[in-house]
Amino acid sequence: MVHANTTTVGCAFKRCNGNVLVTCLYDKCGTKEKLMWEMGQPCQRNGDCTTFDDSKCNEGLCELEEDPYSD
């Protein structure tokens, strides 16, 4: 469901007559043939995180904090 370059995802579900419908919307379209993750060494510091601008190192993984007020 996610891929290495996905930075934002939103999902919703609806129960109806014993069935469940789930749908998700991703910020990057057309990534289904891409890798789910990229292999590499765990980050040690913020400078190791270069895939996305402003990403930070958190417990060996690079993360990108989303601004909830941006479009």
Protein backbone atom coordinates (compact mmCIF):
# COMPACT_ATOMS: atom_id res chain seq x y z
CA MET A 1 0.00 0.00 0.00
CA VAL A 2 2.93 2.38 0.48
CA HIS A 3 6.07 2.99 -1.49
CA ALA A 4 9.49 4.50 -0.79
CA ASN A 5 8.54 7.93 -2.15
CA THR A 6 5.11 8.15 -0.52
CA THR A 7 5.06 10.91 2.09
CA THR A 8 1.33 11.35 2.69
CA VAL A 9 -1.57 8.89 2.80
CA GLY A 10 -5.16 9.19 3.96
CA CYS A 11 -7.57 6.28 4.31
CA ALA A 12 -11.24 5.90 5.16
CA PHE A 13 -13.62 2.99 5.64
CA LYS A 14 -17.36 2.44 5.59
CA ARG A 15 -19.30 -0.51 7.01
CA CYS A 16 -22.47 -1.36 5.15
CA ASN A 17 -24.65 -4.49 5.43
CA GLY A 18 -21.81 -6.60 6.86
CA ASN A 19 -19.29 -5.43 4.26
CA VAL A 20 -16.37 -3.06 4.72
CA LEU A 21 -15.16 -0.71 1.98
CA VAL A 22 -11.68 0.78 2.41
CA THR A 23 -10.15 3.42 0.17
CA CYS A 24 -6.86 5.29 0.40
CA LEU A 25 -5.48 8.39 -1.31
CA TYR A 26 -1.73 8.86 -1.76
CA ASP A 27 0.32 11.97 -2.54
CA LYS A 28 2.23 10.21 -5.35
CA CYS A 29 0.36 8.50 -8.19
CA GLY A 30 1.78 5.89 -10.51
CA THR A 31 4.23 4.39 -8.03
CA LYS A 32 2.90 0.83 -8.00
CA GLU A 33 6.00 -0.59 -9.73
CA LYS A 34 8.39 1.20 -7.36
CA LEU A 35 10.01 -0.27 -4.25
CA MET A 36 8.12 -0.25 -0.97
CA TRP A 37 11.32 0.83 0.78
CA GLU A 38 14.86 1.71 -0.10
CA MET A 39 17.71 -0.38 1.35
CA GLY A 40 20.40 1.47 3.20
CA GLN A 41 22.18 2.01 6.47
CA PRO A 42 20.24 3.48 9.41
CA CYS A 43 20.70 7.23 9.72
CA GLN A 44 22.84 8.54 12.57
CA ARG A 45 22.06 12.25 12.21
CA ASN A 46 19.75 14.57 10.26
CA GLY A 47 22.42 15.15 7.59
CA ASP A 48 22.13 11.49 6.56
CA CYS A 49 18.54 12.08 5.39
CA THR A 50 18.83 13.42 1.84
CA THR A 51 15.87 11.95 -0.09
CA PHE A 52 13.44 14.69 1.00
CA ASP A 53 14.23 18.27 2.02
CA ASP A 54 13.74 18.95 5.74
CA SER A 55 13.62 15.26 6.71
CA LYS A 56 15.03 14.31 10.11
CA CYS A 57 16.69 11.20 11.56
CA ASN A 58 14.55 9.47 14.19
CA GLU A 59 15.79 6.20 15.72
CA GLY A 60 17.64 5.17 12.55
CA LEU A 61 14.86 6.10 10.12
CA CYS A 62 14.49 9.29 8.11
CA GLU A 63 11.11 10.94 8.55
CA LEU A 64 9.46 13.95 7.00
CA GLU A 65 7.16 15.89 9.28
CA GLU A 66 4.02 17.09 7.54
CA ASP A 67 2.73 20.58 8.15
CA PRO A 68 -1.01 20.05 8.78
CA TYR A 69 -1.74 23.58 7.56
CA SER A 70 0.02 23.34 4.18
CA ASP A 71 -1.66 22.37 0.91
